[in-house]
Amino acid sequence: MNTLVRKLQALPEGIQHALLITAVMMAAIIQIIDTTIANVALPHMQGSMSASQDKISWVLTSYIMATAIAMPLTGWLAGRIGRKRLLVISVSGFTLASMACGAAFSLQEIIVFRILQGVFGASLVPISQALLLDAFPVEKHGRAMSIWGVGVMLAPILGPTVGGWLTEYYSWRWVFYINVPFGILSLLGVIALARESPLDRERPFDLFGFFLLSVAIVSLQLLLDRGHSKYWFDSAEIVVEFILALLALYLFVVHMFTHRHPYVNPQLFRDLNFALGLVFMFLLGVIMLATMALFPPYLQTLLGYPVFEAGLVLAPRGGGTMLAMLVCSWIMERGLVSPRLLIVAGLMMIVISMAQMTQFTVDVTQSMIAWTGFFQGFGLGLIFVPLSTLAFATLAPSLRTEATAIYGLVRTIGSSLGISIVMAQLASHLQREHALLTEHITVFNPLLQNAATAQIWDIHSVRGLALLEGEVNRQALQLAYADDFQLILLMALVAIPAALLLRNPPPPPAPGPGH
């Protein structure tokens, strides 16, 4: 290993720079992809572990909660032990926890190891973003965020496809084992090429602030995960979790602005661009992950696509995102278009694509799904790069590590909230649309008296009623999905005016006469 490290350090500076970016991005990608890669493997894990539906869902919930709680710790830990050392510990711990998840033989074991995965992996995305911002000058932050954004945006999209392929052709355990080789490669690159950051050991740890934020996150996540099965506020448990989340969040905000050394630096929220960036990142988390949560079951359950084929149909969405990020980077480096206008253009593309999706029927073609996904992915890519650039444009470099952690936390919470909202609305609207459609099933309906349809949907026979009920369920589910697509459309539409409040980054300083 020492020989390999020395060989890497002997490479030309440009190659070292590219390899470090690759190593850092690899660490971020394996952390993000683990939020979605296990989704399609849950039924196989459920059978292997002999677990119920609500218990197996903790494989996902435990990881999300651990990540959300540990992510704000990144700034304080980086100041105490240094960014490089923290990144080495995080990648090592995440890789070992992934191995343990793959080797687990009981549900309790895998939940414990998933919690460890979340704790160790929480710092990977914030540190990768902070390192990339430091590695590029201000005028090239668009390029840095396009590189970072490709990993952050594509990882959740690729997760179900990769997870489905590994589960179908190998085993659900490979959903976790796949992290090991990439974790080792990332670790080697970081050890050999990353530089240590300055330490800040004078800032004490705010235990009370950490406790309040943890209670708020855990309560909110439990509320979102269990709300639908408990019929929301009809359940005393959900009411208690809602009150706890609200009270803990209120106390945390008050504590943050009044304590001498708070857990989260309040200076972050006094920067208008960063504060607005958090709002947009929250909405982007809702739109991106809510759509990704809807589409795999839409394709598999309603349209009957196999797991791997569904992943291939979704691939153009990722291609559109990647292309848009490259275009954004090129445009922003040359100052051709204001970053705010790029965000507005991206939101408009999402609105148009979601409007098209509301018109989908059960006979929608693969090409229509692929083109709509590509258009929507392109819109997301147009938003992500300028938004990440503007959010950090006016922020002091010393606050970047902590800011990127909060940025990631808000995206995670937005994703969880978005998924819960659209899934709850899907179930509610499915019942409503089913009831509305069944109102038309009477002997007086001319369609059911038609000779051709009467042979299939004979309402006077058990077989005919069963076939008719299946078709009503199918059409009601399509209408319920359309209602969800319309809700996401409205979210994107509401965000458009707020984009104009963001301030453009300051121009880079002009070179002096001796430059």
Protein backbone atom coordinates (compact mmCIF):
# COMPACT_ATOMS: atom_id res chain seq x y z
CA MET A 1 0.00 0.00 0.00
CA ASN A 2 2.82 2.44 0.85
CA THR A 3 4.39 1.76 -2.55
CA LEU A 4 1.09 2.54 -4.31
CA VAL A 5 0.68 5.75 -2.32
CA ARG A 6 4.20 6.89 -3.28
CA LYS A 7 3.50 6.14 -6.95
CA LEU A 8 0.31 8.21 -6.84
CA GLN A 9 2.14 11.11 -5.18
CA ALA A 10 4.81 11.01 -7.91
CA LEU A 11 2.28 11.62 -10.70
CA PRO A 12 2.03 15.05 -12.39
CA GLU A 13 -0.03 17.62 -10.49
CA GLY A 14 -2.86 17.68 -13.06
CA ILE A 15 -3.30 13.90 -12.90
CA GLN A 16 -3.19 14.00 -9.07
CA HIS A 17 -5.91 16.64 -9.10
CA ALA A 18 -8.14 14.52 -11.39
CA LEU A 19 -7.56 11.37 -9.32
CA LEU A 20 -8.36 13.18 -6.07
CA ILE A 21 -11.64 14.47 -7.53
CA THR A 22 -12.46 10.93 -8.69
CA ALA A 23 -11.67 9.46 -5.25
CA VAL A 24 -13.74 12.09 -3.42
CA MET A 25 -16.69 11.72 -5.80
CA MET A 26 -16.54 7.93 -5.51
CA ALA A 27 -16.97 8.26 -1.75
CA ALA A 28 -19.98 10.57 -2.17
CA ILE A 29 -21.62 8.35 -4.79
CA ILE A 30 -21.49 5.12 -2.73
CA GLN A 31 -23.06 6.99 0.19
CA ILE A 32 -25.92 8.51 -1.85
CA ILE A 33 -26.60 5.40 -3.93
CA ASP A 34 -27.19 3.43 -0.72
CA THR A 35 -30.32 5.51 -0.01
CA THR A 36 -32.07 3.88 -3.01
CA ILE A 37 -30.10 0.78 -4.04
CA ALA A 38 -31.64 -1.39 -1.30
CA ASN A 39 -35.25 -0.48 -2.19
CA VAL A 40 -35.73 -3.14 -4.86
CA ALA A 41 -33.94 -5.76 -2.73
CA LEU A 42 -36.32 -5.38 0.24
CA PRO A 43 -38.74 -8.19 -0.80
CA HIS A 44 -35.80 -10.63 -1.12
CA MET A 45 -34.36 -9.48 2.21
CA GLN A 46 -37.79 -9.81 3.82
CA GLY A 47 -38.00 -13.47 2.81
CA SER A 48 -34.42 -14.18 3.84
CA MET A 49 -34.86 -12.56 7.25
CA SER A 50 -38.47 -13.79 7.81
CA ALA A 51 -39.49 -10.21 8.59
CA SER A 52 -42.82 -8.42 8.31
CA GLN A 53 -43.38 -5.51 5.91
CA ASP A 54 -43.20 -2.80 8.59
CA LYS A 55 -40.06 -4.29 10.18
CA ILE A 56 -38.10 -4.70 6.94
CA SER A 57 -38.71 -1.01 6.15
CA TRP A 58 -36.34 -0.19 9.03
CA VAL A 59 -33.49 -1.25 6.72
CA LEU A 60 -34.17 2.02 4.87
CA THR A 61 -35.40 4.15 7.77
CA SER A 62 -32.45 3.41 10.08
CA TYR A 63 -29.95 4.45 7.40
CA ILE A 64 -31.76 7.70 6.58
CA MET A 65 -32.18 8.70 10.24
CA ALA A 66 -28.55 7.91 11.15
CA THR A 67 -27.30 9.91 8.16
CA ALA A 68 -29.53 12.90 8.96
CA ILE A 69 -28.50 12.98 12.64
CA ALA A 70 -24.76 12.63 12.00
CA MET A 71 -24.50 14.94 8.98
CA PRO A 72 -24.49 18.27 10.92
CA LEU A 73 -21.59 16.91 13.00
CA THR A 74 -19.33 17.20 9.95
CA GLY A 75 -18.30 20.82 10.53
CA TRP A 76 -17.36 20.34 14.18
CA LEU A 77 -15.54 17.03 13.55
CA ALA A 78 -13.61 18.49 10.59
CA GLY A 79 -12.44 21.32 12.84
CA ARG A 80 -11.36 18.91 15.56
CA ILE A 81 -9.52 16.24 13.57
CA GLY A 82 -9.18 17.74 10.08
CA ARG A 83 -11.11 17.09 6.90
CA LYS A 84 -8.70 14.52 5.46
CA ARG A 85 -8.59 12.45 8.65
CA LEU A 86 -12.39 12.61 8.96
CA LEU A 87 -12.78 11.52 5.33
CA VAL A 88 -10.39 8.57 5.83
CA ILE A 89 -12.28 7.44 8.96
CA SER A 90 -15.65 7.88 7.23
CA VAL A 91 -14.75 5.94 4.09
CA SER A 92 -13.13 3.15 6.13
CA GLY A 93 -16.10 2.86 8.50
CA PHE A 94 -18.65 2.98 5.67
CA THR A 95 -16.83 0.25 3.72
CA LEU A 96 -16.56 -2.05 6.76
CA ALA A 97 -20.22 -1.43 7.68
CA SER A 98 -21.21 -2.31 4.08
CA MET A 99 -19.35 -5.62 4.37
CA ALA A 100 -21.12 -6.32 7.67
CA CYS A 101 -24.55 -5.54 6.12
CA GLY A 102 -23.91 -8.03 3.34
CA ALA A 103 -22.84 -10.71 5.82
CA ALA A 104 -25.73 -10.13 8.29
CA PHE A 105 -27.93 -13.12 9.17
CA SER A 106 -30.70 -11.43 11.17
CA LEU A 107 -32.81 -8.31 10.83
CA GLN A 108 -31.42 -6.89 14.08
CA GLU A 109 -27.86 -7.25 12.78
CA ILE A 110 -28.54 -5.57 9.47
CA ILE A 111 -30.36 -2.64 11.13
CA VAL A 112 -27.40 -2.07 13.49
CA PHE A 113 -24.94 -2.18 10.58
CA ARG A 114 -27.16 0.14 8.50
CA ILE A 115 -27.08 2.64 11.38
CA LEU A 116 -23.27 2.43 11.34
CA GLN A 117 -23.33 2.90 7.57
CA GLY A 118 -25.39 6.06 8.02
CA VAL A 119 -23.18 7.44 10.80
CA PHE A 120 -19.91 6.89 8.93
CA GLY A 121 -21.34 7.90 5.55
CA ALA A 122 -22.94 11.14 6.74
CA SER A 123 -19.75 13.17 6.27
CA LEU A 124 -18.90 11.88 2.79
CA VAL A 125 -21.19 14.14 0.74
CA PRO A 126 -20.54 17.41 2.66
CA ILE A 127 -16.76 16.92 2.66
CA SER A 128 -16.71 16.02 -1.03
CA GLN A 129 -18.60 19.22 -1.86
CA ALA A 130 -16.37 21.36 0.36
CA LEU A 131 -13.17 19.83 -1.09
CA LEU A 132 -14.33 20.46 -4.65
CA LEU A 133 -15.22 24.09 -3.87
CA ASP A 134 -11.75 24.57 -2.36
CA ALA A 135 -10.04 22.81 -5.26
CA PHE A 136 -11.42 25.23 -7.88
CA PRO A 137 -11.20 29.06 -8.00
CA VAL A 138 -14.46 31.02 -7.57
CA GLU A 139 -14.92 31.58 -11.31
CA LYS A 140 -14.81 27.80 -11.86
CA HIS A 141 -17.20 26.83 -9.07
CA GLY A 142 -19.79 26.05 -11.76
CA ARG A 143 -17.46 23.35 -13.11
CA ALA A 144 -16.87 22.02 -9.58
CA MET A 145 -20.60 21.82 -8.86
CA SER A 146 -21.29 20.16 -12.21
CA ILE A 147 -18.77 17.42 -11.32
CA TRP A 148 -20.22 17.05 -7.84
CA GLY A 149 -23.79 17.28 -9.12
CA VAL A 150 -23.34 14.44 -11.60
CA GLY A 151 -22.64 12.09 -8.70
CA VAL A 152 -25.28 13.50 -6.36
CA MET A 153 -28.04 13.53 -8.99
CA LEU A 154 -27.22 10.31 -10.84
CA ALA A 155 -26.61 8.13 -7.77
CA PRO A 156 -30.30 7.99 -6.65
CA ILE A 157 -31.37 7.39 -10.27
CA LEU A 158 -28.88 4.55 -10.80
CA GLY A 159 -29.57 3.00 -7.38
CA PRO A 160 -32.76 1.05 -8.24
CA THR A 161 -31.33 -0.12 -11.59
CA VAL A 162 -28.06 -1.38 -10.10
CA GLY A 163 -29.85 -2.84 -7.09
CA GLY A 164 -32.39 -4.62 -9.28
CA TRP A 165 -29.69 -6.13 -11.50
CA LEU A 166 -27.57 -7.32 -8.55
CA THR A 167 -30.58 -8.77 -6.74
CA GLU A 168 -31.98 -10.52 -9.81
CA TYR A 169 -28.73 -12.07 -11.08
CA TYR A 170 -26.72 -12.50 -7.85
CA SER A 171 -28.11 -11.88 -4.35
CA TRP A 172 -29.45 -9.03 -2.23
CA ARG A 173 -26.16 -9.21 -0.28
CA TRP A 174 -24.29 -7.82 -3.30
CA VAL A 175 -26.30 -4.61 -2.93
CA PHE A 176 -23.93 -3.95 0.00
CA TYR A 177 -20.81 -5.81 -1.14
CA ILE A 178 -20.64 -3.63 -4.27
CA ASN A 179 -19.53 -0.71 -2.03
CA VAL A 180 -16.36 -2.49 -0.90
CA PRO A 181 -14.10 -2.19 -4.00
CA PHE A 182 -15.15 1.42 -4.60
CA GLY A 183 -14.62 2.25 -0.94
CA ILE A 184 -11.08 0.82 -1.04
CA LEU A 185 -10.19 2.74 -4.22
CA SER A 186 -11.58 5.96 -2.75
CA LEU A 187 -9.64 5.41 0.47
CA LEU A 188 -6.35 4.95 -1.40
CA GLY A 189 -6.89 8.14 -3.38
CA VAL A 190 -7.76 10.21 -0.31
CA ILE A 191 -4.80 8.92 1.75
CA ALA A 192 -2.33 9.58 -1.06
CA LEU A 193 -3.58 12.85 -2.53
CA ALA A 194 -5.79 14.82 -0.12
CA ARG A 195 -4.32 17.59 2.02
CA GLU A 196 -5.22 18.22 5.63
CA SER A 197 -7.30 21.29 6.50
CA PRO A 198 -6.55 23.73 9.35
CA LEU A 199 -7.84 22.62 12.76
CA ASP A 200 -10.24 24.51 15.03
CA ARG A 201 -10.17 22.83 18.43
CA GLU A 202 -11.32 25.86 20.42
CA ARG A 203 -14.99 25.49 19.49
CA PRO A 204 -16.71 23.38 22.17
CA PHE A 205 -19.30 20.73 21.31
CA ASP A 206 -22.90 21.86 21.86
CA LEU A 207 -24.41 18.68 23.31
CA PHE A 208 -27.83 20.24 24.02
CA GLY A 209 -28.14 21.57 20.47
CA PHE A 210 -27.15 18.17 19.08
CA PHE A 211 -29.77 16.49 21.29
CA LEU A 212 -32.55 18.88 20.18
CA LEU A 213 -31.79 18.51 16.49
CA SER A 214 -31.56 14.70 16.82
CA VAL A 215 -34.96 14.53 18.54
CA ALA A 216 -36.49 16.73 15.82
CA ILE A 217 -35.03 14.60 13.00
CA VAL A 218 -35.94 11.23 14.55
CA SER A 219 -39.49 12.37 15.39
CA LEU A 220 -40.03 13.79 11.91
CA GLN A 221 -38.67 10.67 10.19
CA LEU A 222 -40.83 8.34 12.31
CA LEU A 223 -43.86 10.51 11.59
CA LEU A 224 -43.21 10.38 7.84
CA ASP A 225 -42.47 6.64 7.76
CA ARG A 226 -45.33 5.48 9.97
CA GLY A 227 -47.94 8.15 9.30
CA HIS A 228 -49.69 6.40 6.42
CA SER A 229 -49.96 2.99 8.13
CA LYS A 230 -51.20 4.67 11.33
CA TYR A 231 -53.77 6.87 9.49
CA TRP A 232 -51.83 10.01 10.33
CA PHE A 233 -53.31 12.20 13.05
CA ASP A 234 -55.94 9.65 13.97
CA SER A 235 -53.08 7.91 15.81
CA ALA A 236 -51.83 9.12 19.21
CA GLU A 237 -48.29 8.02 18.24
CA ILE A 238 -48.25 10.31 15.19
CA VAL A 239 -49.60 13.25 17.22
CA VAL A 240 -46.86 12.77 19.84
CA GLU A 241 -44.16 12.55 17.15
CA PHE A 242 -45.48 15.70 15.46
CA ILE A 243 -45.48 17.66 18.74
CA LEU A 244 -41.98 16.41 19.60
CA ALA A 245 -40.61 17.34 16.17
CA LEU A 246 -42.17 20.82 16.27
CA LEU A 247 -41.13 21.55 19.87
CA ALA A 248 -37.57 20.25 19.44
CA LEU A 249 -37.10 22.25 16.22
CA TYR A 250 -38.40 25.44 17.84
CA LEU A 251 -36.11 25.01 20.87
CA PHE A 252 -33.17 24.23 18.56
CA VAL A 253 -33.67 27.46 16.56
CA VAL A 254 -33.96 29.56 19.74
CA HIS A 255 -30.90 27.84 21.24
CA MET A 256 -28.91 28.32 18.01
CA PHE A 257 -29.41 32.09 17.98
CA THR A 258 -28.83 32.60 21.72
CA HIS A 259 -26.02 30.19 22.63
CA ARG A 260 -22.40 31.38 22.51
CA HIS A 261 -21.13 28.25 20.71
CA PRO A 262 -24.18 26.66 19.02
CA TYR A 263 -24.20 23.29 17.31
CA VAL A 264 -24.95 25.00 13.96
CA ASN A 265 -23.39 28.41 13.25
CA PRO A 266 -26.25 30.96 12.83
CA GLN A 267 -24.03 33.01 10.49
CA LEU A 268 -24.99 30.52 7.79
CA PHE A 269 -28.62 31.66 7.81
CA ARG A 270 -27.75 35.36 7.71
CA ASP A 271 -26.44 34.85 4.17
CA LEU A 272 -29.44 35.44 1.87
CA ASN A 273 -28.13 33.28 -0.97
CA PHE A 274 -27.41 30.34 1.30
CA ALA A 275 -30.79 30.64 3.08
CA LEU A 276 -32.66 30.74 -0.24
CA GLY A 277 -30.43 27.95 -1.53
CA LEU A 278 -31.59 25.76 1.36
CA VAL A 279 -35.23 26.41 0.45
CA PHE A 280 -34.56 25.50 -3.18
CA MET A 281 -32.53 22.42 -2.23
CA PHE A 282 -35.41 21.29 -0.01
CA LEU A 283 -37.82 21.64 -2.97
CA LEU A 284 -35.33 19.96 -5.29
CA GLY A 285 -35.04 17.04 -2.85
CA VAL A 286 -38.83 16.74 -2.84
CA ILE A 287 -39.13 16.89 -6.64
CA MET A 288 -36.16 14.62 -7.43
CA LEU A 289 -36.69 11.82 -4.91
CA ALA A 290 -40.50 11.97 -4.96
CA THR A 291 -40.47 11.42 -8.72
CA MET A 292 -37.92 8.62 -8.34
CA ALA A 293 -40.07 7.00 -5.65
CA LEU A 294 -43.13 7.11 -7.91
CA PHE A 295 -41.70 5.93 -11.21
CA PRO A 296 -40.30 2.42 -10.40
CA PRO A 297 -43.62 1.17 -8.93
CA TYR A 298 -45.51 2.99 -11.71
CA LEU A 299 -43.54 1.12 -14.37
CA GLN A 300 -43.47 -2.25 -12.58
CA THR A 301 -46.90 -2.41 -10.94
CA LEU A 302 -49.09 -0.50 -13.40
CA LEU A 303 -47.32 -1.03 -16.73
CA GLY A 304 -45.84 -4.47 -15.94
CA TYR A 305 -42.16 -3.73 -16.66
CA PRO A 306 -39.50 -6.11 -15.25
CA VAL A 307 -37.13 -4.54 -12.69
CA PHE A 308 -34.14 -4.23 -15.00
CA GLU A 309 -36.19 -2.97 -17.97
CA ALA A 310 -37.79 -0.34 -15.74
CA GLY A 311 -34.30 0.84 -14.84
CA LEU A 312 -33.35 1.11 -18.52
CA VAL A 313 -36.47 3.19 -19.26
CA LEU A 314 -35.46 5.57 -16.46
CA ALA A 315 -31.86 5.86 -17.70
CA PRO A 316 -32.54 8.79 -20.12
CA ARG A 317 -33.50 10.88 -17.11
CA GLY A 318 -29.98 10.52 -15.76
CA GLY A 319 -28.54 11.20 -19.22
CA GLY A 320 -30.50 14.46 -19.43
CA THR A 321 -29.21 15.51 -16.00
CA MET A 322 -25.59 14.81 -16.92
CA LEU A 323 -25.85 16.67 -20.24
CA ALA A 324 -27.48 19.69 -18.61
CA MET A 325 -24.74 19.90 -15.98
CA LEU A 326 -22.03 19.92 -18.62
CA VAL A 327 -23.91 22.61 -20.56
CA CYS A 328 -24.38 24.66 -17.36
CA SER A 329 -20.70 24.46 -16.51
CA TRP A 330 -19.75 25.68 -20.01
CA ILE A 331 -22.30 28.54 -19.94
CA MET A 332 -21.43 29.74 -16.42
CA GLU A 333 -17.67 29.77 -16.98
CA ARG A 334 -18.19 32.09 -19.94
CA GLY A 335 -20.83 34.23 -18.24
CA LEU A 336 -23.24 33.84 -21.15
CA VAL A 337 -26.43 33.59 -19.07
CA SER A 338 -27.30 34.61 -15.51
CA PRO A 339 -27.38 31.58 -13.14
CA ARG A 340 -30.82 32.74 -11.96
CA LEU A 341 -32.21 32.43 -15.49
CA LEU A 342 -30.78 28.93 -15.77
CA ILE A 343 -32.66 27.97 -12.59
CA VAL A 344 -35.89 29.47 -13.96
CA ALA A 345 -35.38 27.63 -17.27
CA GLY A 346 -34.84 24.35 -15.38
CA LEU A 347 -37.98 24.84 -13.31
CA MET A 348 -39.99 25.58 -16.46
CA MET A 349 -38.71 22.38 -18.07
CA ILE A 350 -39.81 20.42 -14.99
CA VAL A 351 -43.25 22.08 -15.13
CA ILE A 352 -43.62 21.18 -18.82
CA SER A 353 -42.45 17.57 -18.30
CA MET A 354 -44.75 17.06 -15.30
CA ALA A 355 -47.66 18.52 -17.29
CA GLN A 356 -46.92 15.93 -19.99
CA MET A 357 -46.80 13.16 -17.37
CA THR A 358 -50.23 14.10 -16.04
CA GLN A 359 -51.54 13.12 -19.51
CA PHE A 360 -50.03 9.63 -19.39
CA THR A 361 -52.41 6.69 -19.84
CA VAL A 362 -51.97 2.97 -19.14
CA ASP A 363 -50.99 2.63 -22.82
CA VAL A 364 -48.14 5.16 -22.70
CA THR A 365 -45.19 4.14 -24.87
CA GLN A 366 -41.60 3.57 -23.76
CA SER A 367 -40.37 6.35 -26.04
CA MET A 368 -42.77 8.86 -24.46
CA ILE A 369 -41.63 7.89 -20.95
CA ALA A 370 -37.97 8.10 -21.99
CA TRP A 371 -38.28 11.50 -23.70
CA THR A 372 -40.30 12.97 -20.83
CA GLY A 373 -37.74 11.65 -18.36
CA PHE A 374 -34.87 13.07 -20.41
CA PHE A 375 -36.57 16.49 -20.53
CA GLN A 376 -37.21 16.44 -16.78
CA GLY A 377 -33.66 15.30 -16.04
CA PHE A 378 -32.30 18.12 -18.19
CA GLY A 379 -34.38 20.59 -16.16
CA LEU A 380 -33.03 19.20 -12.88
CA GLY A 381 -29.48 19.52 -14.20
CA LEU A 382 -30.08 23.14 -15.21
CA ILE A 383 -31.15 23.91 -11.64
CA PHE A 384 -28.59 21.98 -9.64
CA VAL A 385 -25.31 23.49 -10.84
CA PRO A 386 -26.26 27.22 -10.70
CA LEU A 387 -28.17 26.69 -7.44
CA SER A 388 -25.19 25.06 -5.70
CA THR A 389 -22.91 27.78 -7.10
CA LEU A 390 -25.13 30.68 -5.98
CA ALA A 391 -25.82 29.16 -2.55
CA PHE A 392 -22.10 29.26 -1.68
CA ALA A 393 -21.15 32.32 -3.76
CA THR A 394 -21.34 34.87 -0.92
CA LEU A 395 -20.50 32.53 1.97
CA ALA A 396 -17.17 32.76 3.81
CA PRO A 397 -14.82 29.85 2.91
CA SER A 398 -14.38 29.05 6.62
CA LEU A 399 -18.09 28.13 6.82
CA ARG A 400 -18.13 25.83 3.79
CA THR A 401 -17.73 22.47 5.52
CA GLU A 402 -20.54 23.18 7.97
CA ALA A 403 -22.65 24.78 5.22
CA THR A 404 -22.34 21.74 2.95
CA ALA A 405 -23.46 19.50 5.84
CA ILE A 406 -26.61 21.58 6.42
CA TYR A 407 -27.16 21.69 2.65
CA GLY A 408 -27.09 17.89 2.53
CA LEU A 409 -29.31 17.57 5.61
CA VAL A 410 -31.99 19.79 4.06
CA ARG A 411 -31.87 17.73 0.84
CA THR A 412 -32.29 14.53 2.87
CA ILE A 413 -35.25 15.89 4.85
CA GLY A 414 -36.85 17.25 1.67
CA SER A 415 -36.48 13.84 0.03
CA SER A 416 -38.06 12.02 2.98
CA LEU A 417 -40.91 14.50 3.21
CA GLY A 418 -41.52 14.42 -0.54
CA ILE A 419 -41.66 10.63 -0.67
CA SER A 420 -44.09 10.49 2.27
CA ILE A 421 -46.37 13.17 0.78
CA VAL A 422 -46.64 11.62 -2.68
CA MET A 423 -47.09 8.08 -1.34
CA ALA A 424 -49.79 9.19 1.10
CA GLN A 425 -51.56 11.15 -1.64
CA LEU A 426 -51.26 8.19 -4.01
CA ALA A 427 -53.05 5.87 -1.56
CA SER A 428 -55.72 8.48 -0.73
CA HIS A 429 -56.42 9.44 -4.36
CA LEU A 430 -56.48 5.78 -5.44
CA GLN A 431 -59.44 5.21 -3.11
CA ARG A 432 -61.15 8.40 -4.32
CA GLU A 433 -60.67 7.67 -8.03
CA HIS A 434 -61.79 4.07 -7.53
CA ALA A 435 -64.99 5.25 -5.86
CA LEU A 436 -65.68 7.78 -8.64
CA LEU A 437 -65.15 5.20 -11.39
CA THR A 438 -67.33 2.53 -9.75
CA GLU A 439 -70.24 5.00 -9.69
CA HIS A 440 -70.50 4.48 -13.46
CA ILE A 441 -70.74 0.68 -13.27
CA THR A 442 -74.49 0.18 -13.67
CA VAL A 443 -76.75 -1.74 -16.01
CA PHE A 444 -77.70 1.62 -17.56
CA ASN A 445 -74.16 2.41 -18.76
CA PRO A 446 -74.22 2.14 -22.61
CA LEU A 447 -70.57 1.02 -22.66
CA LEU A 448 -71.40 -2.06 -20.60
CA GLN A 449 -74.35 -2.86 -22.87
CA ASN A 450 -72.14 -2.90 -25.97
CA ALA A 451 -71.88 -6.42 -27.42
CA ALA A 452 -68.06 -6.32 -27.61
CA THR A 453 -67.45 -5.13 -24.06
CA ALA A 454 -70.30 -7.12 -22.55
CA GLN A 455 -68.52 -10.34 -23.48
CA ILE A 456 -65.46 -9.29 -21.43
CA TRP A 457 -67.01 -7.15 -18.69
CA ASP A 458 -70.20 -9.08 -18.09
CA ILE A 459 -71.57 -7.52 -14.91
CA HIS A 460 -73.94 -10.46 -14.48
CA SER A 461 -71.11 -12.97 -14.01
CA VAL A 462 -68.44 -13.35 -11.34
CA ARG A 463 -65.69 -13.57 -13.97
CA GLY A 464 -66.89 -10.45 -15.75
CA LEU A 465 -67.10 -8.47 -12.51
CA ALA A 466 -63.59 -9.59 -11.53
CA LEU A 467 -62.18 -8.45 -14.90
CA LEU A 468 -64.05 -5.16 -14.64
CA GLU A 469 -62.76 -4.60 -11.11
CA GLY A 470 -59.19 -5.19 -12.32
CA GLU A 471 -59.60 -2.59 -15.08
CA VAL A 472 -61.16 -0.08 -12.66
CA ASN A 473 -58.20 -0.55 -10.29
CA ARG A 474 -55.78 -0.04 -13.17
CA GLN A 475 -57.44 3.17 -14.38
CA ALA A 476 -57.87 4.50 -10.82
CA LEU A 477 -54.18 3.93 -10.12
CA GLN A 478 -53.24 5.79 -13.32
CA LEU A 479 -55.40 8.75 -12.28
CA ALA A 480 -53.88 8.71 -8.77
CA TYR A 481 -50.38 8.84 -10.26
CA ALA A 482 -51.47 11.74 -12.48
CA ASP A 483 -52.62 13.62 -9.36
CA ASP A 484 -49.17 13.12 -7.80
CA PHE A 485 -47.46 14.37 -10.96
CA GLN A 486 -49.69 17.45 -10.81
CA LEU A 487 -48.68 18.11 -7.19
CA ILE A 488 -44.96 18.04 -8.14
CA LEU A 489 -45.76 20.37 -11.05
CA LEU A 490 -47.29 22.90 -8.63
CA MET A 491 -44.23 22.74 -6.35
CA ALA A 492 -41.95 23.58 -9.26
CA LEU A 493 -44.26 26.38 -10.40
CA VAL A 494 -44.33 28.02 -6.95
CA ALA A 495 -40.50 28.03 -6.80
CA ILE A 496 -40.04 30.05 -10.02
CA PRO A 497 -40.57 33.61 -8.60
CA ALA A 498 -38.25 32.91 -5.63
CA ALA A 499 -35.37 32.12 -8.02
CA LEU A 500 -35.12 35.81 -8.94
CA LEU A 501 -34.27 36.71 -5.32
CA LEU A 502 -30.91 34.93 -5.53
CA ARG A 503 -27.89 37.19 -6.04
CA ASN A 504 -25.34 36.51 -8.74
CA PRO A 505 -21.81 35.64 -7.52
CA PRO A 506 -19.35 38.54 -7.34
CA PRO A 507 -17.00 38.83 -10.34
CA PRO A 508 -13.50 37.43 -9.81
CA PRO A 509 -10.88 40.06 -8.88
CA ALA A 510 -9.06 41.59 -11.82
CA PRO A 511 -5.38 40.57 -12.09
CA GLY A 512 -2.92 43.21 -10.86
CA PRO A 513 -0.31 44.85 -13.09
CA GLY A 514 2.35 42.39 -11.96
CA HIS A 515 0.21 39.32 -12.65
